[in-house]
mmCIF file of all heavy atoms, coordinates in Angstrom:
data_MODEL
# 
_entry.id   MODEL 
# 
loop_
_atom_site.group_PDB 
_atom_site.id 
_atom_site.type_symbol 
_atom_site.label_atom_id 
_atom_site.label_alt_id 
_atom_site.label_comp_id 
_atom_site.label_asym_id 
_atom_site.label_entity_id 
_atom_site.label_seq_id 
_atom_site.pdbx_PDB_ins_code 
_atom_site.Cartn_x 
_atom_site.Cartn_y 
_atom_site.Cartn_z 
_atom_site.occupancy 
_atom_site.B_iso_or_equiv 
_atom_site.pdbx_formal_charge 
_atom_site.auth_seq_id 
_atom_site.auth_comp_id 
_atom_site.auth_asym_id 
_atom_site.auth_atom_id 
_atom_site.pdbx_PDB_model_num 
ATOM 1   N N   . ASN A 1 1  ? 173.777 -60.421 88.335 1.00 0.00 ? 1  ASN A N   1 
ATOM 2   C CA  . ASN A 1 1  ? 173.971 -59.839 87.005 1.00 0.00 ? 1  ASN A CA  1 
ATOM 3   C C   . ASN A 1 1  ? 175.388 -60.094 86.514 1.00 0.00 ? 1  ASN A C   1 
ATOM 4   O O   . ASN A 1 1  ? 176.351 -59.981 87.288 1.00 0.00 ? 1  ASN A O   1 
ATOM 5   C CB  . ASN A 1 1  ? 173.714 -58.331 87.040 1.00 0.00 ? 1  ASN A CB  1 
ATOM 6   C CG  . ASN A 1 1  ? 172.300 -57.986 87.449 1.00 0.00 ? 1  ASN A CG  1 
ATOM 7   O OD1 . ASN A 1 1  ? 171.374 -58.040 86.653 1.00 0.00 ? 1  ASN A OD1 1 
ATOM 8   N ND2 . ASN A 1 1  ? 172.129 -57.628 88.722 1.00 0.00 ? 1  ASN A ND2 1 
ATOM 9   N N   . GLN A 1 2  ? 175.524 -60.401 85.252 1.00 0.00 ? 2  GLN A N   1 
ATOM 10  C CA  . GLN A 1 2  ? 176.852 -60.580 84.680 1.00 0.00 ? 2  GLN A CA  1 
ATOM 11  C C   . GLN A 1 2  ? 177.563 -59.249 84.513 1.00 0.00 ? 2  GLN A C   1 
ATOM 12  O O   . GLN A 1 2  ? 178.789 -59.175 84.597 1.00 0.00 ? 2  GLN A O   1 
ATOM 13  C CB  . GLN A 1 2  ? 176.752 -61.281 83.325 1.00 0.00 ? 2  GLN A CB  1 
ATOM 14  C CG  . GLN A 1 2  ? 176.362 -62.751 83.420 1.00 0.00 ? 2  GLN A CG  1 
ATOM 15  C CD  . GLN A 1 2  ? 176.459 -63.458 82.083 1.00 0.00 ? 2  GLN A CD  1 
ATOM 16  O OE1 . GLN A 1 2  ? 176.449 -62.826 81.026 1.00 0.00 ? 2  GLN A OE1 1 
ATOM 17  N NE2 . GLN A 1 2  ? 176.581 -64.781 82.117 1.00 0.00 ? 2  GLN A NE2 1 
ATOM 18  N N   . GLU A 1 3  ? 176.783 -58.204 84.283 1.00 0.00 ? 3  GLU A N   1 
ATOM 19  C CA  . GLU A 1 3  ? 177.347 -56.861 84.157 1.00 0.00 ? 3  GLU A CA  1 
ATOM 20  C C   . GLU A 1 3  ? 176.673 -55.933 85.150 1.00 0.00 ? 3  GLU A C   1 
ATOM 21  O O   . GLU A 1 3  ? 175.445 -55.917 85.266 1.00 0.00 ? 3  GLU A O   1 
ATOM 22  C CB  . GLU A 1 3  ? 177.152 -56.319 82.737 1.00 0.00 ? 3  GLU A CB  1 
ATOM 23  C CG  . GLU A 1 3  ? 177.960 -57.054 81.686 1.00 0.00 ? 3  GLU A CG  1 
ATOM 24  C CD  . GLU A 1 3  ? 177.875 -56.382 80.326 1.00 0.00 ? 3  GLU A CD  1 
ATOM 25  O OE1 . GLU A 1 3  ? 177.369 -55.245 80.259 1.00 0.00 ? 3  GLU A OE1 1 
ATOM 26  O OE2 . GLU A 1 3  ? 178.301 -56.997 79.343 1.00 0.00 ? 3  GLU A OE2 1 
ATOM 27  N N   . VAL A 1 4  ? 177.474 -55.158 85.856 1.00 0.00 ? 4  VAL A N   1 
ATOM 28  C CA  . VAL A 1 4  ? 176.920 -54.187 86.802 1.00 0.00 ? 4  VAL A CA  1 
ATOM 29  C C   . VAL A 1 4  ? 176.792 -52.838 86.103 1.00 0.00 ? 4  VAL A C   1 
ATOM 30  O O   . VAL A 1 4  ? 177.525 -52.550 85.145 1.00 0.00 ? 4  VAL A O   1 
ATOM 31  C CB  . VAL A 1 4  ? 177.808 -54.053 88.055 1.00 0.00 ? 4  VAL A CB  1 
ATOM 32  C CG1 . VAL A 1 4  ? 177.871 -55.365 88.811 1.00 0.00 ? 4  VAL A CG1 1 
ATOM 33  C CG2 . VAL A 1 4  ? 179.207 -53.554 87.691 1.00 0.00 ? 4  VAL A CG2 1 
ATOM 34  N N   . PRO A 1 5  ? 175.872 -51.979 86.548 1.00 0.00 ? 5  PRO A N   1 
ATOM 35  C CA  . PRO A 1 5  ? 175.752 -50.656 85.942 1.00 0.00 ? 5  PRO A CA  1 
ATOM 36  C C   . PRO A 1 5  ? 176.926 -49.770 86.329 1.00 0.00 ? 5  PRO A C   1 
ATOM 37  O O   . PRO A 1 5  ? 177.566 -49.990 87.366 1.00 0.00 ? 5  PRO A O   1 
ATOM 38  C CB  . PRO A 1 5  ? 174.438 -50.125 86.527 1.00 0.00 ? 5  PRO A CB  1 
ATOM 39  C CG  . PRO A 1 5  ? 174.313 -50.821 87.840 1.00 0.00 ? 5  PRO A CG  1 
ATOM 40  C CD  . PRO A 1 5  ? 174.874 -52.195 87.618 1.00 0.00 ? 5  PRO A CD  1 
ATOM 41  N N   . ALA A 1 6  ? 177.194 -48.791 85.511 1.00 0.00 ? 6  ALA A N   1 
ATOM 42  C CA  . ALA A 1 6  ? 178.246 -47.829 85.844 1.00 0.00 ? 6  ALA A CA  1 
ATOM 43  C C   . ALA A 1 6  ? 177.836 -46.980 87.041 1.00 0.00 ? 6  ALA A C   1 
ATOM 44  O O   . ALA A 1 6  ? 178.667 -46.609 87.874 1.00 0.00 ? 6  ALA A O   1 
ATOM 45  C CB  . ALA A 1 6  ? 178.546 -46.932 84.639 1.00 0.00 ? 6  ALA A CB  1 
ATOM 46  N N   . HIS A 1 7  ? 176.546 -46.668 87.119 1.00 0.00 ? 7  HIS A N   1 
ATOM 47  C CA  . HIS A 1 7  ? 176.025 -45.836 88.204 1.00 0.00 ? 7  HIS A CA  1 
ATOM 48  C C   . HIS A 1 7  ? 174.793 -46.486 88.803 1.00 0.00 ? 7  HIS A C   1 
ATOM 49  O O   . HIS A 1 7  ? 173.924 -46.987 88.088 1.00 0.00 ? 7  HIS A O   1 
ATOM 50  C CB  . HIS A 1 7  ? 175.647 -44.442 87.683 1.00 0.00 ? 7  HIS A CB  1 
ATOM 51  C CG  . HIS A 1 7  ? 176.808 -43.703 87.083 1.00 0.00 ? 7  HIS A CG  1 
ATOM 52  N ND1 . HIS A 1 7  ? 177.688 -42.966 87.842 1.00 0.00 ? 7  HIS A ND1 1 
ATOM 53  C CD2 . HIS A 1 7  ? 177.230 -43.591 85.801 1.00 0.00 ? 7  HIS A CD2 1 
ATOM 54  C CE1 . HIS A 1 7  ? 178.609 -42.439 87.049 1.00 0.00 ? 7  HIS A CE1 1 
ATOM 55  N NE2 . HIS A 1 7  ? 178.351 -42.807 85.801 1.00 0.00 ? 7  HIS A NE2 1 
ATOM 56  N N   . LEU A 1 8  ? 174.713 -46.452 90.126 1.00 0.00 ? 8  LEU A N   1 
ATOM 57  C CA  . LEU A 1 8  ? 173.559 -47.003 90.819 1.00 0.00 ? 8  LEU A CA  1 
ATOM 58  C C   . LEU A 1 8  ? 173.084 -46.008 91.881 1.00 0.00 ? 8  LEU A C   1 
ATOM 59  O O   . LEU A 1 8  ? 173.431 -46.126 93.060 1.00 0.00 ? 8  LEU A O   1 
ATOM 60  C CB  . LEU A 1 8  ? 173.913 -48.348 91.473 1.00 0.00 ? 8  LEU A CB  1 
ATOM 61  C CG  . LEU A 1 8  ? 172.759 -49.084 92.159 1.00 0.00 ? 8  LEU A CG  1 
ATOM 62  C CD1 . LEU A 1 8  ? 171.685 -49.476 91.146 1.00 0.00 ? 8  LEU A CD1 1 
ATOM 63  C CD2 . LEU A 1 8  ? 173.279 -50.319 92.887 1.00 0.00 ? 8  LEU A CD2 1 
ATOM 64  N N   . PRO A 1 9  ? 172.300 -44.995 91.477 1.00 0.00 ? 9  PRO A N   1 
ATOM 65  C CA  . PRO A 1 9  ? 171.724 -44.083 92.471 1.00 0.00 ? 9  PRO A CA  1 
ATOM 66  C C   . PRO A 1 9  ? 170.646 -44.806 93.256 1.00 0.00 ? 9  PRO A C   1 
ATOM 67  O O   . PRO A 1 9  ? 169.824 -45.515 92.680 1.00 0.00 ? 9  PRO A O   1 
ATOM 68  C CB  . PRO A 1 9  ? 171.149 -42.953 91.617 1.00 0.00 ? 9  PRO A CB  1 
ATOM 69  C CG  . PRO A 1 9  ? 170.924 -43.545 90.271 1.00 0.00 ? 9  PRO A CG  1 
ATOM 70  C CD  . PRO A 1 9  ? 171.938 -44.627 90.101 1.00 0.00 ? 9  PRO A CD  1 
ATOM 71  N N   . LEU A 1 10 ? 170.647 -44.649 94.578 1.00 0.00 ? 10 LEU A N   1 
ATOM 72  C CA  . LEU A 1 10 ? 169.687 -45.334 95.433 1.00 0.00 ? 10 LEU A CA  1 
ATOM 73  C C   . LEU A 1 10 ? 168.973 -44.330 96.337 1.00 0.00 ? 10 LEU A C   1 
ATOM 74  O O   . LEU A 1 10 ? 169.618 -43.650 97.136 1.00 0.00 ? 10 LEU A O   1 
ATOM 75  C CB  . LEU A 1 10 ? 170.398 -46.399 96.291 1.00 0.00 ? 10 LEU A CB  1 
ATOM 76  C CG  . LEU A 1 10 ? 171.044 -47.555 95.527 1.00 0.00 ? 10 LEU A CG  1 
ATOM 77  C CD1 . LEU A 1 10 ? 171.836 -48.442 96.482 1.00 0.00 ? 10 LEU A CD1 1 
ATOM 78  C CD2 . LEU A 1 10 ? 169.993 -48.374 94.787 1.00 0.00 ? 10 LEU A CD2 1 
ATOM 79  N N   . GLY A 1 11 ? 167.664 -44.254 96.197 1.00 0.00 ? 11 GLY A N   1 
ATOM 80  C CA  . GLY A 1 11 ? 166.887 -43.331 97.009 1.00 0.00 ? 11 GLY A CA  1 
ATOM 81  C C   . GLY A 1 11 ? 166.285 -42.218 96.173 1.00 0.00 ? 11 GLY A C   1 
ATOM 82  O O   . GLY A 1 11 ? 166.762 -41.917 95.067 1.00 0.00 ? 11 GLY A O   1 
ATOM 83  N N   . THR A 1 12 ? 165.257 -41.611 96.701 1.00 0.00 ? 12 THR A N   1 
ATOM 84  C CA  . THR A 1 12 ? 164.535 -40.554 95.969 1.00 0.00 ? 12 THR A CA  1 
ATOM 85  C C   . THR A 1 12 ? 165.425 -39.361 95.683 1.00 0.00 ? 12 THR A C   1 
ATOM 86  O O   . THR A 1 12 ? 165.459 -38.844 94.563 1.00 0.00 ? 12 THR A O   1 
ATOM 87  C CB  . THR A 1 12 ? 163.295 -40.106 96.773 1.00 0.00 ? 12 THR A CB  1 
ATOM 88  O OG1 . THR A 1 12 ? 162.443 -41.232 96.995 1.00 0.00 ? 12 THR A OG1 1 
ATOM 89  C CG2 . THR A 1 12 ? 162.528 -39.040 96.006 1.00 0.00 ? 12 THR A CG2 1 
ATOM 90  N N   . PHE A 1 13 ? 166.148 -38.896 96.689 1.00 0.00 ? 13 PHE A N   1 
ATOM 91  C CA  . PHE A 1 13 ? 166.997 -37.720 96.481 1.00 0.00 ? 13 PHE A CA  1 
ATOM 92  C C   . PHE A 1 13 ? 168.078 -37.997 95.443 1.00 0.00 ? 13 PHE A C   1 
ATOM 93  O O   . PHE A 1 13 ? 168.372 -37.161 94.588 1.00 0.00 ? 13 PHE A O   1 
ATOM 94  C CB  . PHE A 1 13 ? 167.640 -37.272 97.791 1.00 0.00 ? 13 PHE A CB  1 
ATOM 95  C CG  . PHE A 1 13 ? 168.613 -36.139 97.624 1.00 0.00 ? 13 PHE A CG  1 
ATOM 96  C CD1 . PHE A 1 13 ? 168.162 -34.858 97.336 1.00 0.00 ? 13 PHE A CD1 1 
ATOM 97  C CD2 . PHE A 1 13 ? 169.980 -36.352 97.724 1.00 0.00 ? 13 PHE A CD2 1 
ATOM 98  C CE1 . PHE A 1 13 ? 169.067 -33.806 97.162 1.00 0.00 ? 13 PHE A CE1 1 
ATOM 99  C CE2 . PHE A 1 13 ? 170.885 -35.318 97.548 1.00 0.00 ? 13 PHE A CE2 1 
ATOM 100 C CZ  . PHE A 1 13 ? 170.417 -34.037 97.263 1.00 0.00 ? 13 PHE A CZ  1 
ATOM 101 N N   . ALA A 1 14 ? 168.680 -39.190 95.514 1.00 0.00 ? 14 ALA A N   1 
ATOM 102 C CA  . ALA A 1 14 ? 169.719 -39.541 94.537 1.00 0.00 ? 14 ALA A CA  1 
ATOM 103 C C   . ALA A 1 14 ? 169.156 -39.562 93.128 1.00 0.00 ? 14 ALA A C   1 
ATOM 104 O O   . ALA A 1 14 ? 169.785 -39.065 92.184 1.00 0.00 ? 14 ALA A O   1 
ATOM 105 C CB  . ALA A 1 14 ? 170.325 -40.899 94.888 1.00 0.00 ? 14 ALA A CB  1 
ATOM 106 N N   . THR A 1 15 ? 167.961 -40.125 92.979 1.00 0.00 ? 15 THR A N   1 
ATOM 107 C CA  . THR A 1 15 ? 167.350 -40.244 91.657 1.00 0.00 ? 15 THR A CA  1 
ATOM 108 C C   . THR A 1 15 ? 166.897 -38.894 91.122 1.00 0.00 ? 15 THR A C   1 
ATOM 109 O O   . THR A 1 15 ? 167.265 -38.486 90.011 1.00 0.00 ? 15 THR A O   1 
ATOM 110 C CB  . THR A 1 15 ? 166.144 -41.201 91.710 1.00 0.00 ? 15 THR A CB  1 
ATOM 111 O OG1 . THR A 1 15 ? 166.606 -42.491 92.144 1.00 0.00 ? 15 THR A OG1 1 
ATOM 112 C CG2 . THR A 1 15 ? 165.498 -41.340 90.349 1.00 0.00 ? 15 THR A CG2 1 
ATOM 113 N N   . GLU A 1 16 ? 166.113 -38.188 91.911 1.00 0.00 ? 16 GLU A N   1 
ATOM 114 C CA  . GLU A 1 16 ? 165.584 -36.902 91.445 1.00 0.00 ? 16 GLU A CA  1 
ATOM 115 C C   . GLU A 1 16 ? 166.669 -35.832 91.401 1.00 0.00 ? 16 GLU A C   1 
ATOM 116 O O   . GLU A 1 16 ? 166.692 -34.996 90.495 1.00 0.00 ? 16 GLU A O   1 
ATOM 117 C CB  . GLU A 1 16 ? 164.426 -36.451 92.345 1.00 0.00 ? 16 GLU A CB  1 
ATOM 118 C CG  . GLU A 1 16 ? 163.229 -37.406 92.343 1.00 0.00 ? 16 GLU A CG  1 
ATOM 119 C CD  . GLU A 1 16 ? 162.676 -37.643 90.955 1.00 0.00 ? 16 GLU A CD  1 
ATOM 120 O OE1 . GLU A 1 16 ? 162.656 -36.691 90.142 1.00 0.00 ? 16 GLU A OE1 1 
ATOM 121 O OE2 . GLU A 1 16 ? 162.268 -38.792 90.655 1.00 0.00 ? 16 GLU A OE2 1 
ATOM 122 N N   . GLY A 1 17 ? 167.564 -35.853 92.374 1.00 0.00 ? 17 GLY A N   1 
ATOM 123 C CA  . GLY A 1 17 ? 168.645 -34.863 92.397 1.00 0.00 ? 17 GLY A CA  1 
ATOM 124 C C   . GLY A 1 17 ? 169.560 -34.981 91.196 1.00 0.00 ? 17 GLY A C   1 
ATOM 125 O O   . GLY A 1 17 ? 169.948 -33.982 90.590 1.00 0.00 ? 17 GLY A O   1 
ATOM 126 N N   . SER A 1 18 ? 169.909 -36.217 90.827 1.00 0.00 ? 18 SER A N   1 
ATOM 127 C CA  . SER A 1 18 ? 170.788 -36.405 89.672 1.00 0.00 ? 18 SER A CA  1 
ATOM 128 C C   . SER A 1 18 ? 170.077 -36.028 88.377 1.00 0.00 ? 18 SER A C   1 
ATOM 129 O O   . SER A 1 18 ? 170.685 -35.436 87.473 1.00 0.00 ? 18 SER A O   1 
ATOM 130 C CB  . SER A 1 18 ? 171.286 -37.851 89.603 1.00 0.00 ? 18 SER A CB  1 
ATOM 131 O OG  . SER A 1 18 ? 170.212 -38.767 89.503 1.00 0.00 ? 18 SER A OG  1 
ATOM 132 N N   . LYS A 1 19 ? 168.798 -36.357 88.271 1.00 0.00 ? 19 LYS A N   1 
ATOM 133 C CA  . LYS A 1 19 ? 168.038 -35.998 87.068 1.00 0.00 ? 19 LYS A CA  1 
ATOM 134 C C   . LYS A 1 19 ? 167.954 -34.482 86.924 1.00 0.00 ? 19 LYS A C   1 
ATOM 135 O O   . LYS A 1 19 ? 168.147 -33.932 85.818 1.00 0.00 ? 19 LYS A O   1 
ATOM 136 C CB  . LYS A 1 19 ? 166.639 -36.595 87.129 1.00 0.00 ? 19 LYS A CB  1 
ATOM 137 C CG  . LYS A 1 19 ? 166.608 -38.110 86.908 1.00 0.00 ? 19 LYS A CG  1 
ATOM 138 C CD  . LYS A 1 19 ? 165.243 -38.699 87.187 1.00 0.00 ? 19 LYS A CD  1 
ATOM 139 C CE  . LYS A 1 19 ? 164.198 -38.214 86.212 1.00 0.00 ? 19 LYS A CE  1 
ATOM 140 N NZ  . LYS A 1 19 ? 162.882 -38.866 86.446 1.00 0.00 ? 19 LYS A NZ  1 
ATOM 141 N N   . ASN A 1 20 ? 167.695 -33.779 88.021 1.00 0.00 ? 20 ASN A N   1 
ATOM 142 C CA  . ASN A 1 20 ? 167.621 -32.316 87.975 1.00 0.00 ? 20 ASN A CA  1 
ATOM 143 C C   . ASN A 1 20 ? 168.960 -31.702 87.608 1.00 0.00 ? 20 ASN A C   1 
ATOM 144 O O   . ASN A 1 20 ? 169.036 -30.749 86.833 1.00 0.00 ? 20 ASN A O   1 
ATOM 145 C CB  . ASN A 1 20 ? 167.143 -31.768 89.326 1.00 0.00 ? 20 ASN A CB  1 
ATOM 146 C CG  . ASN A 1 20 ? 165.694 -32.087 89.607 1.00 0.00 ? 20 ASN A CG  1 
ATOM 147 O OD1 . ASN A 1 20 ? 164.913 -32.343 88.695 1.00 0.00 ? 20 ASN A OD1 1 
ATOM 148 N ND2 . ASN A 1 20 ? 165.319 -32.074 90.871 1.00 0.00 ? 20 ASN A ND2 1 
ATOM 149 N N   . GLU A 1 21 ? 170.032 -32.254 88.187 1.00 0.00 ? 21 GLU A N   1 
ATOM 150 C CA  . GLU A 1 21 ? 171.373 -31.733 87.914 1.00 0.00 ? 21 GLU A CA  1 
ATOM 151 C C   . GLU A 1 21 ? 171.723 -31.910 86.432 1.00 0.00 ? 21 GLU A C   1 
ATOM 152 O O   . GLU A 1 21 ? 172.200 -30.973 85.773 1.00 0.00 ? 21 GLU A O   1 
ATOM 153 C CB  . GLU A 1 21 ? 172.392 -32.467 88.776 1.00 0.00 ? 21 GLU A CB  1 
ATOM 154 C CG  . GLU A 1 21 ? 173.798 -31.915 88.690 1.00 0.00 ? 21 GLU A CG  1 
ATOM 155 C CD  . GLU A 1 21 ? 173.998 -30.653 89.509 1.00 0.00 ? 21 GLU A CD  1 
ATOM 156 O OE1 . GLU A 1 21 ? 173.185 -30.371 90.408 1.00 0.00 ? 21 GLU A OE1 1 
ATOM 157 O OE2 . GLU A 1 21 ? 174.989 -29.942 89.234 1.00 0.00 ? 21 GLU A OE2 1 
ATOM 158 N N   . LEU A 1 22 ? 171.477 -33.095 85.914 1.00 0.00 ? 22 LEU A N   1 
ATOM 159 C CA  . LEU A 1 22 ? 171.797 -33.364 84.515 1.00 0.00 ? 22 LEU A CA  1 
ATOM 160 C C   . LEU A 1 22 ? 170.929 -32.533 83.575 1.00 0.00 ? 22 LEU A C   1 
ATOM 161 O O   . LEU A 1 22 ? 171.396 -32.066 82.525 1.00 0.00 ? 22 LEU A O   1 
ATOM 162 C CB  . LEU A 1 22 ? 171.617 -34.854 84.221 1.00 0.00 ? 22 LEU A CB  1 
ATOM 163 C CG  . LEU A 1 22 ? 172.626 -35.782 84.906 1.00 0.00 ? 22 LEU A CG  1 
ATOM 164 C CD1 . LEU A 1 22 ? 172.202 -37.236 84.767 1.00 0.00 ? 22 LEU A CD1 1 
ATOM 165 C CD2 . LEU A 1 22 ? 174.025 -35.569 84.335 1.00 0.00 ? 22 LEU A CD2 1 
ATOM 166 N N   . THR A 1 23 ? 169.672 -32.342 83.935 1.00 0.00 ? 23 THR A N   1 
ATOM 167 C CA  . THR A 1 23 ? 168.774 -31.520 83.117 1.00 0.00 ? 23 THR A CA  1 
ATOM 168 C C   . THR A 1 23 ? 169.263 -30.091 83.041 1.00 0.00 ? 23 THR A C   1 
ATOM 169 O O   . THR A 1 23 ? 169.268 -29.470 81.960 1.00 0.00 ? 23 THR A O   1 
ATOM 170 C CB  . THR A 1 23 ? 167.341 -31.556 83.695 1.00 0.00 ? 23 THR A CB  1 
ATOM 171 O OG1 . THR A 1 23 ? 166.851 -32.898 83.646 1.00 0.00 ? 23 THR A OG1 1 
ATOM 172 C CG2 . THR A 1 23 ? 166.409 -30.660 82.884 1.00 0.00 ? 23 THR A CG2 1 
ATOM 173 N N   . ASN A 1 24 ? 169.697 -29.544 84.182 1.00 0.00 ? 24 ASN A N   1 
ATOM 174 C CA  . ASN A 1 24 ? 170.188 -28.163 84.213 1.00 0.00 ? 24 ASN A CA  1 
ATOM 175 C C   . ASN A 1 24 ? 171.487 -28.007 83.436 1.00 0.00 ? 24 ASN A C   1 
ATOM 176 O O   . ASN A 1 24 ? 171.715 -26.994 82.766 1.00 0.00 ? 24 ASN A O   1 
ATOM 177 C CB  . ASN A 1 24 ? 170.374 -27.703 85.657 1.00 0.00 ? 24 ASN A CB  1 
ATOM 178 C CG  . ASN A 1 24 ? 169.054 -27.504 86.381 1.00 0.00 ? 24 ASN A CG  1 
ATOM 179 O OD1 . ASN A 1 24 ? 168.030 -27.217 85.753 1.00 0.00 ? 24 ASN A OD1 1 
ATOM 180 N ND2 . ASN A 1 24 ? 169.062 -27.651 87.694 1.00 0.00 ? 24 ASN A ND2 1 
ATOM 181 N N   . ILE A 1 25 ? 172.348 -29.020 83.514 1.00 0.00 ? 25 ILE A N   1 
ATOM 182 C CA  . ILE A 1 25 ? 173.594 -28.981 82.736 1.00 0.00 ? 25 ILE A CA  1 
ATOM 183 C C   . ILE A 1 25 ? 173.270 -29.001 81.245 1.00 0.00 ? 25 ILE A C   1 
ATOM 184 O O   . ILE A 1 25 ? 173.839 -28.236 80.457 1.00 0.00 ? 25 ILE A O   1 
ATOM 185 C CB  . ILE A 1 25 ? 174.497 -30.171 83.104 1.00 0.00 ? 25 ILE A CB  1 
ATOM 186 C CG1 . ILE A 1 25 ? 175.036 -30.010 84.526 1.00 0.00 ? 25 ILE A CG1 1 
ATOM 187 C CG2 . ILE A 1 25 ? 175.653 -30.300 82.104 1.00 0.00 ? 25 ILE A CG2 1 
ATOM 188 C CD1 . ILE A 1 25 ? 175.823 -31.200 85.025 1.00 0.00 ? 25 ILE A CD1 1 
ATOM 189 N N   . LEU A 1 26 ? 172.344 -29.861 80.869 1.00 0.00 ? 26 LEU A N   1 
ATOM 190 C CA  . LEU A 1 26 ? 171.977 -29.979 79.454 1.00 0.00 ? 26 LEU A CA  1 
ATOM 191 C C   . LEU A 1 26 ? 171.373 -28.675 78.931 1.00 0.00 ? 26 LEU A C   1 
ATOM 192 O O   . LEU A 1 26 ? 171.590 -28.309 77.763 1.00 0.00 ? 26 LEU A O   1 
ATOM 193 C CB  . LEU A 1 26 ? 170.998 -31.135 79.261 1.00 0.00 ? 26 LEU A CB  1 
ATOM 194 C CG  . LEU A 1 26 ? 170.652 -31.488 77.814 1.00 0.00 ? 26 LEU A CG  1 
ATOM 195 C CD1 . LEU A 1 26 ? 171.913 -31.827 77.031 1.00 0.00 ? 26 LEU A CD1 1 
ATOM 196 C CD2 . LEU A 1 26 ? 169.669 -32.672 77.778 1.00 0.00 ? 26 LEU A CD2 1 
ATOM 197 N N   . LYS A 1 27 ? 170.639 -27.964 79.776 1.00 0.00 ? 27 LYS A N   1 
ATOM 198 C CA  . LYS A 1 27 ? 170.059 -26.678 79.362 1.00 0.00 ? 27 LYS A CA  1 
ATOM 199 C C   . LYS A 1 27 ? 171.165 -25.708 78.957 1.00 0.00 ? 27 LYS A C   1 
ATOM 200 O O   . LYS A 1 27 ? 171.070 -25.026 77.928 1.00 0.00 ? 27 LYS A O   1 
ATOM 201 C CB  . LYS A 1 27 ? 169.228 -26.081 80.504 1.00 0.00 ? 27 LYS A CB  1 
ATOM 202 C CG  . LYS A 1 27 ? 167.879 -26.733 80.720 1.00 0.00 ? 27 LYS A CG  1 
ATOM 203 C CD  . LYS A 1 27 ? 167.141 -26.045 81.861 1.00 0.00 ? 27 LYS A CD  1 
ATOM 204 C CE  . LYS A 1 27 ? 165.781 -26.702 82.115 1.00 0.00 ? 27 LYS A CE  1 
ATOM 205 N NZ  . LYS A 1 27 ? 165.079 -26.064 83.267 1.00 0.00 ? 27 LYS A NZ  1 
# 
């Protein structure tokens, strides 16, 4: 890739955990 992502969560816990955390913050 010419550009890398700012964040690269790898694994189920990383993906679901970050989504839950961000959702709760947004609430």
